[in-house]
Amino acid sequence: MKIDFRERTPQLIAIIGVLVIVLAIVIGFLVNKNAEIEEIQQQFIINKQELEDEYEAISLQYEGFKFSVQNDSLLYKLENERAKVLRLQEELRMTKASDQAEIKRLKDELSTLRKVLRSYIHQIDSLNRLNEELRAENQQITRQYKETSRTLTQVSQEKEELSEKVSLAAQLVATNIAVKAVNNRGREQSRLSRSSQFVVSFTIARNITAEPGERIIYVRLMAPDGTVLSKSPSHTFPFENREILYSMRRIVEYGGEEIPVTLYWDIEEYLMPGTFKADIFADGHHIGTHSFMMEQ
């Protein structure tokens, strides 16, 4: 049987046209599907990046606590939580954006981390409020302490001043001081060449505030050249935090009433003429002085 292609041509053209239309529809569907898949994949990437940003933010929050939290126990717990955040961050970095099950798990972990973080923030706020209260209390205590210290210092100063006044009031005083040079017969001389002895006399004034008892009276005779007359370099006594030479000393019994004292210095050395000086000491105080002239 002979086929007449001329009669079949319109049918073939119609079939081809239908196939072309179907192919176009399929291609269009596939193109749209690929676009949707690419859009979904892009969204997966964006979601993963947002999740990574959120993990980074919470990690930075934990990092900042190192500089603001002073409680060692709480700081240790915060460090442990930050270590957990860093571990989950690494897991997220290694996870593909398309692995939605793992992404969801890590997102749930992040939600748990946020709840834990809120509880720690609450603890930190409570500690900060407590610290503020303690600081305020410490400031008040410090002010009270300073005020008390100032009061005690003032009282101590007043007590010290009173003690100094009492000490000054109780200090012995030498009055009627006289120094003369005499010869071997006890006659007063004005020339060193005729003198054999210096006689120092004075009176310890009456003072009822002074403590009664034995007193050591020291006399220093100073020559015109500034030399202190002394029989031995070991003859020293304490005065103003140092040891100084004395020429003569006398132990007297003082009962608060006026008492005369006389001391003698044998002239055994060569002395230059000029102004001599006699200083009297008792109880660590300089209680009198007297100058006198001697000729050659």
Protein backbone atom coordinates (compact mmCIF):
# COMPACT_ATOMS: atom_id res chain seq x y z
CA MET A 1 0.00 0.00 0.00
CA LYS A 2 1.45 3.30 -1.00
CA ILE A 3 1.45 6.13 1.61
CA ASP A 4 0.67 9.54 0.35
CA PHE A 5 2.96 11.89 2.34
CA ARG A 6 1.29 14.89 0.91
CA GLU A 7 -1.84 13.91 2.71
CA ARG A 8 0.10 13.30 6.01
CA THR A 9 2.10 16.55 6.00
CA PRO A 10 -0.49 18.69 7.83
CA GLN A 11 -0.82 16.03 10.52
CA LEU A 12 2.95 15.80 11.01
CA ILE A 13 3.19 19.53 11.21
CA ALA A 14 0.47 19.59 13.85
CA ILE A 15 2.17 16.84 15.87
CA ILE A 16 5.55 18.60 15.65
CA GLY A 17 3.92 21.83 16.72
CA VAL A 18 2.35 20.14 19.70
CA LEU A 19 5.70 18.56 20.61
CA VAL A 20 7.43 21.93 20.31
CA ILE A 21 4.84 23.50 22.58
CA VAL A 22 5.15 20.64 25.11
CA LEU A 23 8.96 20.88 24.97
CA ALA A 24 8.78 24.62 25.51
CA ILE A 25 6.49 24.11 28.48
CA VAL A 26 8.84 21.48 29.94
CA ILE A 27 11.87 23.65 29.39
CA GLY A 28 10.09 26.58 30.98
CA PHE A 29 9.08 24.44 33.92
CA LEU A 30 12.65 23.16 34.37
CA VAL A 31 14.05 26.68 34.14
CA ASN A 32 11.57 27.92 36.73
CA LYS A 33 12.31 24.90 38.93
CA ASN A 34 16.06 25.51 38.75
CA ALA A 35 15.48 29.15 39.61
CA GLU A 36 13.39 28.13 42.60
CA ILE A 37 16.10 25.65 43.68
CA GLU A 38 18.80 28.30 43.32
CA GLU A 39 16.65 30.75 45.28
CA ILE A 40 16.12 28.16 48.02
CA GLN A 41 19.84 27.35 48.10
CA GLN A 42 20.66 31.06 48.30
CA GLN A 43 18.19 31.42 51.15
CA PHE A 44 19.86 28.47 52.90
CA ILE A 45 23.20 30.29 52.60
CA ILE A 46 21.69 33.52 53.91
CA ASN A 47 20.05 31.69 56.82
CA LYS A 48 23.34 30.00 57.70
CA GLN A 49 25.19 33.33 57.55
CA GLU A 50 22.60 34.96 59.81
CA LEU A 51 22.93 32.05 62.24
CA GLU A 52 26.73 32.42 62.19
CA ASP A 53 26.33 36.15 62.91
CA GLU A 54 24.07 35.39 65.85
CA TYR A 55 26.61 32.89 67.23
CA GLU A 56 29.36 35.49 66.81
CA ALA A 57 27.28 38.08 68.67
CA ILE A 58 26.63 35.80 71.62
CA SER A 59 30.30 34.78 71.65
CA LEU A 60 31.32 38.46 71.87
CA GLN A 61 28.88 38.97 74.74
CA TYR A 62 30.52 36.15 76.68
CA GLU A 63 33.96 37.58 75.79
CA GLY A 64 32.96 40.97 77.19
CA PHE A 65 32.06 39.48 80.55
CA LYS A 66 35.77 38.80 81.19
CA PHE A 67 36.34 42.53 81.65
CA SER A 68 33.23 43.34 83.68
CA VAL A 69 32.66 40.34 85.96
CA GLN A 70 34.75 40.23 89.14
CA ASN A 71 33.24 37.08 90.65
CA ASP A 72 35.66 34.20 89.97
CA SER A 73 33.05 31.46 90.32
CA LEU A 74 30.64 33.14 87.91
CA LEU A 75 33.47 33.99 85.52
CA TYR A 76 34.47 30.31 85.42
CA LYS A 77 30.90 29.32 84.43
CA LEU A 78 30.80 32.03 81.77
CA GLU A 79 34.07 30.78 80.30
CA ASN A 80 32.61 27.27 80.07
CA GLU A 81 29.54 28.62 78.25
CA ARG A 82 31.73 30.58 75.86
CA ALA A 83 33.73 27.42 75.13
CA LYS A 84 30.46 25.70 74.27
CA VAL A 85 29.54 28.60 71.93
CA LEU A 86 32.91 28.34 70.18
CA ARG A 87 32.43 24.59 69.72
CA LEU A 88 28.97 25.06 68.19
CA GLN A 89 30.34 27.86 66.00
CA GLU A 90 32.91 25.46 64.61
CA GLU A 91 30.21 22.84 64.01
CA LEU A 92 28.13 25.44 62.15
CA ARG A 93 31.11 26.46 60.04
CA MET A 94 31.62 22.83 58.98
CA THR A 95 27.90 22.30 58.22
CA LYS A 96 26.58 22.69 54.69
CA ALA A 97 23.90 25.30 54.20
CA SER A 98 21.68 22.65 52.62
CA ASP A 99 21.82 20.40 55.69
CA GLN A 100 18.66 21.81 57.16
CA ALA A 101 18.38 19.19 59.92
CA GLU A 102 21.80 20.16 61.32
CA ILE A 103 21.08 23.85 60.81
CA LYS A 104 17.83 23.44 62.78
CA ARG A 105 19.69 21.63 65.58
CA LEU A 106 22.26 24.40 65.81
CA LYS A 107 19.49 27.01 65.76
CA ASP A 108 17.79 25.21 68.68
CA GLU A 109 21.15 25.13 70.50
CA LEU A 110 21.41 28.88 69.97
CA SER A 111 17.99 29.37 71.53
CA THR A 112 19.12 27.39 74.57
CA LEU A 113 22.33 29.44 74.76
CA ARG A 114 20.29 32.64 74.76
CA LYS A 115 18.19 31.43 77.68
CA VAL A 116 21.35 30.55 79.62
CA LEU A 117 22.85 33.92 78.73
CA ARG A 118 19.76 35.75 80.00
CA SER A 119 20.04 33.91 83.33
CA TYR A 120 23.70 34.91 83.63
CA ILE A 121 22.88 38.52 82.71
CA HIS A 122 20.31 38.49 85.50
CA GLN A 123 22.94 37.17 87.95
CA ILE A 124 25.46 39.76 86.78
CA ASP A 125 22.92 42.57 87.19
CA SER A 126 22.12 41.31 90.68
CA LEU A 127 25.83 41.19 91.56
CA ASN A 128 26.36 44.65 90.11
CA ARG A 129 23.49 46.05 92.16
CA LEU A 130 24.89 44.33 95.23
CA ASN A 131 28.36 45.70 94.47
CA GLU A 132 26.92 49.19 94.03
CA GLU A 133 25.19 48.88 97.39
CA LEU A 134 28.42 47.61 98.96
CA ARG A 135 30.42 50.42 97.36
CA ALA A 136 27.94 52.96 98.66
CA GLU A 137 28.13 51.35 102.08
CA ASN A 138 31.92 51.27 101.93
CA GLN A 139 31.99 54.94 100.93
CA GLN A 140 29.79 55.76 103.89
CA ILE A 141 31.99 53.66 106.19
CA THR A 142 35.08 55.33 104.70
CA ARG A 143 33.60 58.78 105.31
CA GLN A 144 32.71 57.80 108.87
CA TYR A 145 36.19 56.35 109.34
CA LYS A 146 37.81 59.53 108.02
CA GLU A 147 35.61 61.65 110.26
CA THR A 148 36.46 59.43 113.23
CA SER A 149 40.15 59.54 112.27
CA ARG A 150 40.04 63.33 112.06
CA THR A 151 38.36 63.46 115.44
CA LEU A 152 40.90 61.05 116.93
CA THR A 153 43.75 62.98 115.32
CA GLN A 154 42.37 66.21 116.74
CA VAL A 155 41.97 64.61 120.16
CA SER A 156 45.48 63.15 119.89
CA GLN A 157 46.88 66.55 118.90
CA GLU A 158 45.06 68.22 121.75
CA LYS A 159 46.29 65.50 124.10
CA GLU A 160 49.83 65.91 122.77
CA GLU A 161 49.64 69.68 123.15
CA LEU A 162 48.31 69.24 126.67
CA SER A 163 51.06 66.73 127.39
CA GLU A 164 53.63 69.18 126.04
CA LYS A 165 52.17 71.93 128.21
CA VAL A 166 52.24 69.64 131.23
CA SER A 167 55.79 68.59 130.34
CA LEU A 168 56.85 72.21 129.97
CA ALA A 169 55.11 73.08 133.18
CA ALA A 170 56.89 70.21 134.93
CA GLN A 171 60.28 71.14 133.48
CA LEU A 172 62.94 72.28 135.94
CA VAL A 173 64.35 75.78 135.62
CA ALA A 174 67.75 77.00 136.79
CA THR A 175 67.72 80.54 138.19
CA ASN A 176 70.24 82.87 139.82
CA ILE A 177 73.05 81.33 137.76
CA ALA A 178 76.52 82.59 138.68
CA VAL A 179 80.00 81.48 137.65
CA LYS A 180 83.19 82.74 139.22
CA ALA A 181 86.84 81.82 139.15
CA VAL A 182 88.71 81.44 142.47
CA ASN A 183 92.30 80.86 143.54
CA ASN A 184 93.57 78.21 145.95
CA ARG A 185 92.38 80.31 148.89
CA GLY A 186 88.85 80.60 147.50
CA ARG A 187 89.17 84.24 146.58
CA GLU A 188 87.38 85.37 143.39
CA GLN A 189 89.64 86.19 140.43
CA SER A 190 89.18 87.86 137.06
CA ARG A 191 92.37 86.46 135.51
CA LEU A 192 92.89 82.87 134.39
CA SER A 193 96.55 82.95 135.40
CA ARG A 194 95.55 83.46 139.04
CA SER A 195 92.61 81.03 139.05
CA SER A 196 92.59 77.37 140.05
CA GLN A 197 88.88 76.61 139.97
CA PHE A 198 85.53 77.60 138.46
CA VAL A 199 82.58 77.67 140.84
CA VAL A 200 79.16 77.29 139.21
CA SER A 201 76.15 78.01 141.44
CA PHE A 202 72.45 78.26 140.69
CA THR A 203 69.04 77.53 142.13
CA ILE A 204 66.54 74.93 140.88
CA ALA A 205 63.28 76.88 141.06
CA ARG A 206 60.21 75.72 142.94
CA ASN A 207 57.85 73.65 140.77
CA ILE A 208 55.06 71.66 142.41
CA THR A 209 54.05 70.08 139.04
CA ALA A 210 57.47 68.42 138.64
CA GLU A 211 57.71 64.80 139.72
CA PRO A 212 59.71 64.49 142.94
CA GLY A 213 62.78 62.28 143.12
CA GLU A 214 66.44 62.13 142.20
CA ARG A 215 67.66 64.38 139.39
CA ILE A 216 70.99 64.35 137.58
CA ILE A 217 72.13 67.91 136.88
CA TYR A 218 74.72 68.34 134.10
CA VAL A 219 76.85 71.44 133.53
CA ARG A 220 78.79 72.11 130.31
CA LEU A 221 81.56 74.69 130.45
CA MET A 222 82.52 75.98 127.01
CA ALA A 223 85.80 77.81 126.38
CA PRO A 224 85.99 80.86 124.08
CA ASP A 225 87.21 78.64 121.21
CA GLY A 226 84.07 76.45 121.44
CA THR A 227 85.77 73.58 123.24
CA VAL A 228 83.73 71.83 125.95
CA LEU A 229 85.77 71.35 129.12
CA SER A 230 85.64 67.68 130.14
CA LYS A 231 87.82 65.32 132.17
CA SER A 232 87.02 62.30 129.94
CA PRO A 233 85.53 61.67 126.48
CA SER A 234 83.23 59.14 128.14
CA HIS A 235 81.54 61.88 130.17
CA THR A 236 78.46 62.21 127.96
CA PHE A 237 74.69 62.38 128.40
CA PRO A 238 71.76 62.13 125.98
CA PHE A 239 70.32 65.33 124.59
CA GLU A 240 68.13 65.78 121.50
CA ASN A 241 68.80 62.28 120.13
CA ARG A 242 72.57 62.45 120.50
CA GLU A 243 75.26 62.12 123.13
CA ILE A 244 77.04 65.31 124.20
CA LEU A 245 79.94 66.01 126.59
CA TYR A 246 79.45 67.42 130.05
CA SER A 247 81.95 69.07 132.37
CA MET A 248 80.37 68.32 135.76
CA ARG A 249 77.33 66.58 137.11
CA ARG A 250 75.52 66.38 140.44
CA ILE A 251 72.72 64.13 141.71
CA VAL A 252 70.18 66.03 143.79
CA GLU A 253 66.98 65.05 145.57
CA TYR A 254 64.22 67.29 144.28
CA GLY A 255 60.88 67.52 146.05
CA GLY A 256 59.29 70.41 144.21
CA GLU A 257 60.73 73.11 146.41
CA GLU A 258 63.57 75.52 145.62
CA ILE A 259 67.00 73.91 145.96
CA PRO A 260 70.50 75.47 145.64
CA VAL A 261 73.20 73.63 143.66
CA THR A 262 76.93 74.32 143.47
CA LEU A 263 79.51 72.52 141.29
CA TYR A 264 83.29 72.96 141.03
CA TRP A 265 85.68 72.66 138.09
CA ASP A 266 89.41 72.32 138.73
CA ILE A 267 91.35 74.28 136.11
CA GLU A 268 94.07 71.85 134.98
CA GLU A 269 94.37 72.85 131.33
CA TYR A 270 95.62 75.94 129.54
CA LEU A 271 92.70 78.22 128.74
CA MET A 272 92.50 81.19 126.39
CA PRO A 273 90.95 84.38 127.73
CA GLY A 274 87.58 85.51 126.46
CA THR A 275 83.92 84.74 126.95
CA PHE A 276 83.12 81.42 128.65
CA LYS A 277 79.70 79.87 128.75
CA ALA A 278 77.97 77.58 131.25
CA ASP A 279 74.94 75.54 130.14
CA ILE A 280 72.82 73.58 132.62
CA PHE A 281 70.74 70.48 131.74
CA ALA A 282 68.30 68.21 133.58
CA ASP A 283 65.81 65.54 132.47
CA GLY A 284 66.95 65.91 128.85
CA HIS A 285 66.19 69.66 128.84
CA HIS A 286 68.36 72.76 128.66
CA ILE A 287 67.29 74.55 131.83
CA GLY A 288 69.67 77.51 132.02
CA THR A 289 72.70 79.30 130.58
CA HIS A 290 75.19 81.93 131.72
CA SER A 291 78.19 83.65 130.09
CA PHE A 292 81.18 85.19 131.85
CA MET A 293 84.46 86.90 130.88
CA MET A 294 87.94 85.89 131.90
CA GLU A 295 91.18 87.77 131.32
CA GLN A 296 94.59 86.24 130.86
